[in-house]
């Protein structure tokens, strides 16, 4: 019986060619997933930074309210986080080139951890402005480093999906931040100390980054502080518009809903639907970005946001219309900055890639600050419709800038994926 069974197995043994084909398919899958392994540490650190951001934004608002301060001071404190990166941004590529990306990110993690510990030790409004600025600078450096690392290490065939995955991880981390408040409470040092412990854990991921996570190759381009002139319209259109949408809509959509009689539950449903749309669009947008012209796709997203904003005042009174519209608007808005980073990675290389990528991050932060302020001021002057009208106007300007910049931007023929040189 045993001999017959062995003979049966030998007779039905897969042919050698079939085994080779199966082995080849397995190797293809492994090679296609290798970019994920390369990016896993830096994406993990960026996600942890998003957790801290999701923790501190609502925590500061709740603490300031209990201390008796108004919403205006809360907004100023949130804006303080962008001041540091605006000052450091022009010099960041040179620092990365001289010190190395891994060391810069490690310093940012240490500074963020120290800022959280200082906020826990000194619950004072003036001190919190200073420490929030240091924290915002640190988190922005981590995100800028992550975006640069992704653009340097991912080829064009996977760049769109890589940045969409980066965006998904960011929002996942941001959503986890309020959970720390739920566990540790609002008062006392514990939520900030918990955030500091989470932030310090990012140093463990830094230890498993590839050994070539150093600085950009030595070129004369790295000494520049500003991107080339022809790239400015493209960077402005995608970074500034993406930042304005990401900053203004999550902050003011609930206010817009309340003004149109949606009630608290309905107003929060607008925000929830907006975020769900942004997350749901990432996979298809990333897939499309790797298979079609990313500039055409980015222009379509900017124009689509403008159309959604023009339609929002008309649909605001009907939940059956405003919720689907917020879903689509969320998907388009959150795709603009993702596609902008893909454009940067496919249009630049070497030292220029570091410069333009850093300026993209700086201008995105400007957009997240300017967007809520401009939309809020317009809402005060003209009512709730000021939110969609402000973003519709910004989308129109973004479309013009994009058309001007896209016609001048050359495509890099080769050398997109030059490796980073180890830091000395």
Protein backbone atom coordinates (compact mmCIF):
# COMPACT_ATOMS: atom_id res chain seq x y z
CA UNK A 1 0.00 0.00 0.00
CA UNK A 2 2.78 2.42 0.94
CA UNK A 3 4.75 1.62 -2.23
CA UNK A 4 1.68 2.20 -4.38
CA UNK A 5 1.10 5.60 -2.72
CA UNK A 6 4.70 6.68 -3.36
CA UNK A 7 4.39 5.55 -6.96
CA UNK A 8 1.19 7.56 -7.30
CA UNK A 9 2.93 10.67 -5.99
CA UNK A 10 5.80 10.23 -8.43
CA UNK A 11 3.40 9.89 -11.33
CA UNK A 12 1.54 13.09 -10.35
CA UNK A 13 4.61 15.13 -9.42
CA UNK A 14 4.41 18.65 -10.93
CA UNK A 15 6.71 19.07 -13.91
CA UNK A 16 10.01 20.86 -13.31
CA UNK A 17 9.02 23.74 -15.59
CA UNK A 18 5.89 24.32 -13.48
CA UNK A 19 7.94 24.44 -10.30
CA UNK A 20 10.32 26.97 -11.84
CA UNK A 21 7.39 29.11 -12.95
CA UNK A 22 5.90 29.02 -9.45
CA UNK A 23 9.26 29.95 -7.94
CA UNK A 24 9.56 32.81 -10.42
CA UNK A 25 6.12 34.13 -9.51
CA UNK A 26 7.04 34.00 -5.82
CA UNK A 27 10.25 35.95 -6.45
CA UNK A 28 8.27 38.53 -8.44
CA UNK A 29 5.88 39.03 -5.53
CA UNK A 30 8.80 39.39 -3.09
CA UNK A 31 10.52 41.94 -5.34
CA UNK A 32 7.30 43.91 -5.70
CA UNK A 33 6.93 44.07 -1.92
CA UNK A 34 10.58 44.97 -1.22
CA UNK A 35 9.80 48.68 -1.38
CA UNK A 36 7.39 48.20 1.51
CA UNK A 37 10.15 46.71 3.66
CA UNK A 38 12.47 49.61 2.84
CA UNK A 39 9.82 52.19 3.78
CA UNK A 40 8.37 50.44 6.84
CA UNK A 41 10.65 52.09 9.49
CA UNK A 42 10.25 55.69 8.28
CA UNK A 43 6.51 55.22 7.71
CA UNK A 44 6.23 53.86 11.24
CA UNK A 45 7.98 56.95 12.63
CA UNK A 46 5.73 59.26 10.61
CA UNK A 47 2.66 57.39 11.91
CA UNK A 48 3.85 57.81 15.51
CA UNK A 49 4.30 61.54 14.84
CA UNK A 50 0.70 61.61 13.59
CA UNK A 51 -0.45 59.92 16.83
CA UNK A 52 1.21 62.73 18.80
CA UNK A 53 -0.39 65.34 16.56
CA UNK A 54 -3.80 63.72 17.04
CA UNK A 55 -3.22 63.75 20.80
CA UNK A 56 -1.99 67.32 21.29
CA UNK A 57 -4.45 69.22 19.07
CA UNK A 58 -7.62 68.25 20.99
CA UNK A 59 -5.78 68.13 24.32
CA UNK A 60 -4.62 71.75 24.01
CA UNK A 61 -8.13 72.84 23.02
CA UNK A 62 -9.68 71.08 26.02
CA UNK A 63 -7.07 72.36 28.47
CA UNK A 64 -7.33 75.97 27.23
CA UNK A 65 -11.11 75.82 27.53
CA UNK A 66 -10.82 74.62 31.14
CA UNK A 67 -8.29 77.37 31.86
CA UNK A 68 -10.80 79.94 30.58
CA UNK A 69 -9.22 80.90 27.24
CA UNK A 70 -11.24 81.40 24.05
CA UNK A 71 -11.03 79.58 20.72
CA UNK A 72 -8.87 82.32 19.20
CA UNK A 73 -5.99 81.46 21.51
CA UNK A 74 -6.42 77.78 20.68
CA UNK A 75 -6.06 78.63 17.00
CA UNK A 76 -2.94 80.69 17.64
CA UNK A 77 -1.42 77.81 19.59
CA UNK A 78 -2.13 75.44 16.70
CA UNK A 79 -0.51 77.92 14.30
CA UNK A 80 2.56 78.15 16.54
CA UNK A 81 3.45 74.62 15.49
CA UNK A 82 4.12 75.76 11.91
CA UNK A 83 6.37 78.70 12.78
CA UNK A 84 9.45 76.58 13.39
CA UNK A 85 9.35 74.68 10.09
CA UNK A 86 8.83 77.95 8.19
CA UNK A 87 12.11 79.23 9.62
CA UNK A 88 14.06 75.98 9.36
CA UNK A 89 12.60 74.74 6.06
CA UNK A 90 14.96 76.53 3.64
CA UNK A 91 18.00 75.15 5.49
CA UNK A 92 16.72 71.60 6.02
CA UNK A 93 18.11 70.10 2.76
CA UNK A 94 21.58 71.39 3.63
CA UNK A 95 21.33 69.96 7.14
CA UNK A 96 20.25 66.58 5.79
CA UNK A 97 23.14 66.67 3.31
CA UNK A 98 25.70 67.41 6.01
CA UNK A 99 24.37 65.43 8.98
CA UNK A 100 22.34 62.65 7.40
CA UNK A 101 18.61 61.96 7.29
CA UNK A 102 18.66 59.38 10.08
CA UNK A 103 20.44 61.73 12.49
CA UNK A 104 18.11 64.63 11.67
CA UNK A 105 15.06 62.44 12.30
CA UNK A 106 16.59 61.13 15.54
CA UNK A 107 17.15 64.70 16.75
CA UNK A 108 13.55 65.59 15.85
CA UNK A 109 12.23 62.58 17.79
CA UNK A 110 14.31 63.58 20.82
CA UNK A 111 13.15 67.21 20.63
CA UNK A 112 9.49 66.15 20.32
CA UNK A 113 9.80 63.84 23.33
CA UNK A 114 11.43 66.61 25.39
CA UNK A 115 8.72 69.11 24.36
CA UNK A 116 5.94 66.74 25.47
CA UNK A 117 7.68 66.13 28.79
CA UNK A 118 8.13 69.88 29.30
CA UNK A 119 4.43 70.50 28.57
CA UNK A 120 3.55 67.88 31.17
CA UNK A 121 5.85 69.49 33.74
CA UNK A 122 4.83 73.13 33.07
CA UNK A 123 1.06 73.49 32.54
CA UNK A 124 1.25 77.17 31.67
CA UNK A 125 -0.23 78.88 28.61
CA UNK A 126 2.92 80.88 27.75
CA UNK A 127 5.18 77.86 28.17
CA UNK A 128 2.84 75.76 26.06
CA UNK A 129 3.18 78.19 23.15
CA UNK A 130 6.95 77.74 23.15
CA UNK A 131 6.84 73.97 23.59
CA UNK A 132 4.07 73.60 20.99
CA UNK A 133 6.25 75.46 18.50
CA UNK A 134 9.15 73.08 19.23
CA UNK A 135 6.83 70.09 18.98
CA UNK A 136 5.37 71.30 15.67
CA UNK A 137 8.87 71.85 14.28
CA UNK A 138 9.93 68.34 15.28
CA UNK A 139 6.88 66.62 13.84
CA UNK A 140 7.18 68.58 10.59
CA UNK A 141 10.83 67.57 10.23
CA UNK A 142 9.88 63.91 10.70
CA UNK A 143 7.17 64.14 8.03
CA UNK A 144 9.43 66.07 5.64
CA UNK A 145 12.15 63.46 6.14
CA UNK A 146 9.68 60.65 5.51
CA UNK A 147 8.44 62.24 2.30
CA UNK A 148 12.00 62.77 1.07
CA UNK A 149 12.99 59.21 1.97
CA UNK A 150 10.00 57.77 0.09
CA UNK A 151 10.76 59.81 -3.02
CA UNK A 152 14.41 58.77 -2.95
CA UNK A 153 13.82 55.07 -2.38
CA UNK A 154 10.70 54.22 -4.40
CA UNK A 155 10.74 53.85 -8.17
CA UNK A 156 8.13 55.42 -10.42
CA UNK A 157 6.20 52.17 -10.74
CA UNK A 158 5.29 52.22 -7.02
CA UNK A 159 5.52 55.91 -6.10
CA UNK A 160 1.79 56.64 -6.21
CA UNK A 161 0.86 53.68 -4.04
CA UNK A 162 3.69 54.44 -1.61
CA UNK A 163 2.46 57.99 -0.93
CA UNK A 164 -1.16 56.87 -0.70
CA UNK A 165 -0.07 54.32 1.90
CA UNK A 166 1.81 57.10 3.70
CA UNK A 167 -1.39 59.19 3.79
CA UNK A 168 -3.41 56.23 5.09
CA UNK A 169 -0.93 55.64 7.91
CA UNK A 170 -0.98 59.34 8.79
CA UNK A 171 -4.74 59.43 9.23
CA UNK A 172 -4.71 56.13 11.10
CA UNK A 173 -2.16 57.54 13.55
CA UNK A 174 -4.03 60.83 13.84
CA UNK A 175 -7.24 58.95 14.69
CA UNK A 176 -5.42 57.03 17.45
CA UNK A 177 -4.31 60.23 19.22
CA UNK A 178 -7.65 61.05 20.89
CA UNK A 179 -7.76 57.48 22.17
CA UNK A 180 -4.84 58.32 24.49
CA UNK A 181 -6.93 61.14 25.96
CA UNK A 182 -9.77 58.69 26.50
CA UNK A 183 -7.47 56.36 28.41
CA UNK A 184 -5.32 58.88 30.34
CA UNK A 185 -7.83 61.72 30.78
CA UNK A 186 -7.52 65.43 30.09
CA UNK A 187 -6.11 66.74 33.36
CA UNK A 188 -2.70 66.05 34.81
CA UNK A 189 0.57 65.12 33.12
CA UNK A 190 -0.38 61.57 32.13
CA UNK A 191 -1.72 62.09 28.58
CA UNK A 192 1.37 64.12 27.63
CA UNK A 193 3.73 61.64 29.29
CA UNK A 194 1.98 58.81 27.43
CA UNK A 195 2.44 60.74 24.19
CA UNK A 196 6.12 61.25 25.03
CA UNK A 197 6.56 57.52 25.62
CA UNK A 198 4.96 56.76 22.27
CA UNK A 199 7.18 59.34 20.57
CA UNK A 200 10.33 57.94 22.19
CA UNK A 201 9.36 54.51 20.85
CA UNK A 202 10.05 55.82 17.35
CA UNK A 203 13.77 55.62 18.15
CA UNK A 204 13.45 51.83 18.08
CA UNK A 205 12.26 52.02 14.47
CA UNK A 206 15.17 54.30 13.65
CA UNK A 207 17.58 51.51 14.54
CA UNK A 208 16.21 49.27 11.78
CA UNK A 209 16.40 51.87 9.02
CA UNK A 210 18.68 50.83 6.12
CA UNK A 211 22.33 51.69 6.59
CA UNK A 212 22.28 54.11 3.64
CA UNK A 213 19.78 56.44 5.34
CA UNK A 214 22.37 59.16 5.22
CA UNK A 215 22.63 62.37 3.29
CA UNK A 216 22.05 63.35 -0.27
CA UNK A 217 24.80 62.86 -2.77
CA UNK A 218 27.39 65.61 -2.86
CA UNK A 219 26.35 68.05 -5.60
CA UNK A 220 26.40 71.78 -6.06
CA UNK A 221 22.57 71.71 -6.10
CA UNK A 222 22.38 70.96 -2.41
CA UNK A 223 23.75 74.43 -1.60
CA UNK A 224 20.62 76.06 -2.99
CA UNK A 225 18.01 77.27 -0.51
CA UNK A 226 15.11 77.63 -2.93
CA UNK A 227 13.59 75.46 -5.68
CA UNK A 228 14.09 76.38 -9.36
CA UNK A 229 11.74 79.12 -10.55
CA UNK A 230 9.86 76.96 -13.07
CA UNK A 231 8.78 74.55 -10.32
CA UNK A 232 7.20 77.21 -8.06
CA UNK A 233 3.71 77.20 -9.67
CA UNK A 234 3.48 73.39 -9.49
CA UNK A 235 4.61 73.27 -5.87
CA UNK A 236 2.29 76.13 -4.90
CA UNK A 237 -0.71 74.58 -6.64
CA UNK A 238 -0.45 71.14 -5.05
CA UNK A 239 1.16 71.87 -1.67
CA UNK A 240 -0.71 75.06 -0.79
CA UNK A 241 -4.08 73.87 -2.13
CA UNK A 242 -3.70 70.48 -0.46
CA UNK A 243 -2.76 72.11 2.84
CA UNK A 244 -5.63 74.61 2.70
CA UNK A 245 -8.17 71.85 2.08
CA UNK A 246 -6.74 69.51 4.70
CA UNK A 247 -6.65 72.33 7.26
CA UNK A 248 -9.88 74.23 6.59
CA UNK A 249 -12.44 71.52 5.89
CA UNK A 250 -11.83 69.28 8.95
CA UNK A 251 -11.77 72.38 11.18
CA UNK A 252 -14.84 74.19 9.82
CA UNK A 253 -17.13 71.55 8.28
CA UNK A 254 -18.92 71.00 11.63
CA UNK A 255 -19.52 74.76 11.91
CA UNK A 256 -20.83 74.79 8.34
CA UNK A 257 -23.22 71.93 9.17
CA UNK A 258 -24.51 73.61 12.32
CA UNK A 259 -25.19 76.81 10.41
CA UNK A 260 -27.39 74.85 7.99
CA UNK A 261 -29.43 73.18 10.71
CA UNK A 262 -27.75 69.79 10.61
CA UNK A 263 -27.52 69.58 14.41
CA UNK A 264 -24.48 68.32 16.32
CA UNK A 265 -24.83 64.74 15.11
CA UNK A 266 -25.30 65.86 11.51
CA UNK A 267 -22.37 68.29 11.70
CA UNK A 268 -20.06 65.56 13.00
CA UNK A 269 -21.39 63.24 10.28
CA UNK A 270 -20.09 65.73 7.70
CA UNK A 271 -16.59 65.54 9.18
CA UNK A 272 -16.71 61.75 9.51
CA UNK A 273 -17.87 61.35 5.91
CA UNK A 274 -15.13 63.72 4.73
CA UNK A 275 -12.41 61.65 6.45
CA UNK A 276 -13.87 58.34 5.25
CA UNK A 277 -13.87 59.66 1.70
CA UNK A 278 -10.24 60.71 2.01
CA UNK A 279 -9.21 57.27 3.21
CA UNK A 280 -11.35 55.43 0.64
CA UNK A 281 -9.86 57.34 -2.30
CA UNK A 282 -6.23 56.60 -1.43
CA UNK A 283 -6.02 53.10 -2.91
CA UNK A 284 -7.64 53.89 -6.29
CA UNK A 285 -5.79 57.21 -6.61
CA UNK A 286 -2.46 55.50 -5.87
CA UNK A 287 -3.23 52.79 -8.41
CA UNK A 288 -4.15 55.39 -11.05
CA UNK A 289 -1.07 57.50 -10.29
CA UNK A 290 1.15 54.53 -11.15
CA UNK A 291 -0.68 53.91 -14.44
CA UNK A 292 -1.47 57.33 -15.91
CA UNK A 293 -0.08 60.86 -16.03
CA UNK A 294 0.03 62.03 -12.42
CA UNK A 295 -0.16 65.69 -13.43
CA UNK A 296 -3.45 65.14 -15.24
CA UNK A 297 -4.78 63.31 -12.18
CA UNK A 298 -3.67 66.09 -9.81
CA UNK A 299 -5.27 68.78 -11.99
CA UNK A 300 -8.52 66.77 -12.05
CA UNK A 301 -8.49 66.58 -8.23
CA UNK A 302 -7.92 70.34 -7.82
CA UNK A 303 -10.65 71.17 -10.32
CA UNK A 304 -12.95 68.57 -8.75
CA UNK A 305 -12.54 70.17 -5.31
CA UNK A 306 -13.61 73.51 -6.80
CA UNK A 307 -16.73 71.96 -8.33
CA UNK A 308 -17.61 70.21 -5.06
CA UNK A 309 -17.23 73.46 -3.13
CA UNK A 310 -19.46 75.32 -5.58
CA UNK A 311 -22.12 72.63 -5.23
CA UNK A 312 -21.92 72.40 -1.42
CA UNK A 313 -24.05 75.50 -0.62
CA UNK A 314 -26.79 74.15 -2.90
CA UNK A 315 -26.69 70.68 -1.33
CA UNK A 316 -26.22 71.84 2.28
CA UNK A 317 -29.90 71.64 3.23
CA UNK A 318 -30.34 68.01 2.13
CA UNK A 319 -28.42 65.26 3.97
CA UNK A 320 -28.87 62.91 1.01
CA UNK A 321 -26.85 65.35 -1.11
CA UNK A 322 -24.36 66.91 1.31
CA UNK A 323 -23.00 63.63 2.71
CA UNK A 324 -22.04 62.10 -0.68
CA UNK A 325 -20.61 65.47 -1.71
CA UNK A 326 -18.45 65.58 1.44
CA UNK A 327 -17.32 62.01 0.74
CA UNK A 328 -16.13 62.94 -2.76
CA UNK A 329 -14.62 66.24 -1.56
CA UNK A 330 -12.66 64.43 1.15
CA UNK A 331 -11.26 61.96 -1.36
CA UNK A 332 -10.22 64.68 -3.79
CA UNK A 333 -8.78 67.07 -1.18
CA UNK A 334 -6.66 64.42 0.52
CA UNK A 335 -5.35 63.21 -2.85
CA UNK A 336 -3.93 66.59 -3.93
CA UNK A 337 -0.89 66.64 -1.64
CA UNK A 338 -0.31 62.92 -2.26
CA UNK A 339 -0.17 63.47 -6.02
CA UNK A 340 1.93 66.59 -5.54
CA UNK A 341 4.60 64.50 -3.81
CA UNK A 342 4.45 61.97 -6.65
CA UNK A 343 5.01 64.80 -9.15
CA UNK A 344 7.99 66.07 -7.15
CA UNK A 345 9.54 62.60 -7.04
CA UNK A 346 9.15 62.07 -10.79
CA UNK A 347 10.36 65.54 -11.78
CA UNK A 348 13.52 65.95 -9.69
CA UNK A 349 16.55 64.00 -8.58
CA UNK A 350 19.59 64.41 -6.35
CA UNK A 351 19.97 67.66 -4.45
CA UNK A 352 17.05 69.35 -6.21
CA UNK A 353 14.74 66.60 -5.02
CA UNK A 354 15.63 67.36 -1.40
CA UNK A 355 15.13 71.11 -1.91
CA UNK A 356 11.77 70.88 -3.68
CA UNK A 357 10.49 68.12 -1.37
CA UNK A 358 11.33 70.22 1.69
CA UNK A 359 9.69 73.32 0.24
CA UNK A 360 6.64 71.23 -0.57
CA UNK A 361 6.38 70.29 3.11
CA UNK A 362 6.86 73.93 4.18
CA UNK A 363 4.18 75.23 1.81
CA UNK A 364 1.80 72.47 2.85
CA UNK A 365 2.17 73.62 6.46
CA UNK A 366 1.53 77.21 5.32
CA UNK A 367 -1.67 75.99 3.66
CA UNK A 368 -2.87 74.20 6.79
CA UNK A 369 -2.42 77.48 8.69
CA UNK A 370 -3.74 79.93 6.09
CA UNK A 371 -6.71 77.79 5.06
CA UNK A 372 -8.65 77.79 8.35
CA UNK A 373 -7.82 81.46 9.02
CA UNK A 374 -8.92 82.65 5.55
CA UNK A 375 -12.04 80.47 5.46
CA UNK A 376 -12.98 81.40 9.03
CA UNK A 377 -12.61 85.11 8.33
CA UNK A 378 -14.76 84.77 5.18
CA UNK A 379 -17.41 82.90 7.16
CA UNK A 380 -17.54 85.80 9.62
CA UNK A 381 -18.09 88.26 6.77
CA UNK A 382 -20.50 86.37 4.47
CA UNK A 383 -21.84 83.52 6.61
CA UNK A 384 -21.37 79.77 6.45
CA UNK A 385 -21.02 79.80 2.66
CA UNK A 386 -17.66 81.48 3.17
CA UNK A 387 -16.03 78.07 3.69
CA UNK A 388 -16.87 76.53 0.31
CA UNK A 389 -16.46 79.85 -1.50
CA UNK A 390 -12.95 80.34 -0.11
CA UNK A 391 -11.85 76.87 -1.18
CA UNK A 392 -13.56 77.20 -4.57
CA UNK A 393 -11.58 80.40 -5.17
CA UNK A 394 -8.38 78.68 -4.00
CA UNK A 395 -9.08 75.78 -6.36
CA UNK A 396 -9.50 78.16 -9.29
CA UNK A 397 -6.18 79.85 -8.51
CA UNK A 398 -4.60 76.41 -8.04
CA UNK A 399 -5.80 75.28 -11.48
CA UNK A 400 -4.24 78.36 -13.13
CA UNK A 401 -0.95 77.89 -11.28
CA UNK A 402 -0.92 74.21 -12.12
CA UNK A 403 -1.42 74.82 -15.84
CA UNK A 404 1.35 77.42 -15.84
CA UNK A 405 3.77 75.16 -13.96
CA UNK A 406 2.94 71.89 -15.73
CA UNK A 407 3.80 73.34 -19.11
CA UNK A 408 7.30 74.28 -17.94
CA UNK A 409 8.21 71.28 -15.79
CA UNK A 410 10.49 68.78 -17.52
CA UNK A 411 10.42 65.08 -16.75
CA UNK A 412 13.64 63.56 -15.41
CA UNK A 413 14.91 61.09 -17.98
CA UNK A 414 17.07 59.11 -15.65
CA UNK A 415 18.65 58.96 -12.25
CA UNK A 416 15.40 59.23 -10.30
CA UNK A 417 16.40 56.60 -7.83
CA UNK A 418 19.96 57.57 -7.01
CA UNK A 419 20.84 56.17 -3.59
CA UNK A 420 21.62 58.29 -0.60
CA UNK A 421 25.26 58.47 0.28
CA UNK A 422 26.22 57.51 3.85
CA UNK A 423 26.82 60.40 6.16
CA UNK A 424 30.45 60.94 7.15
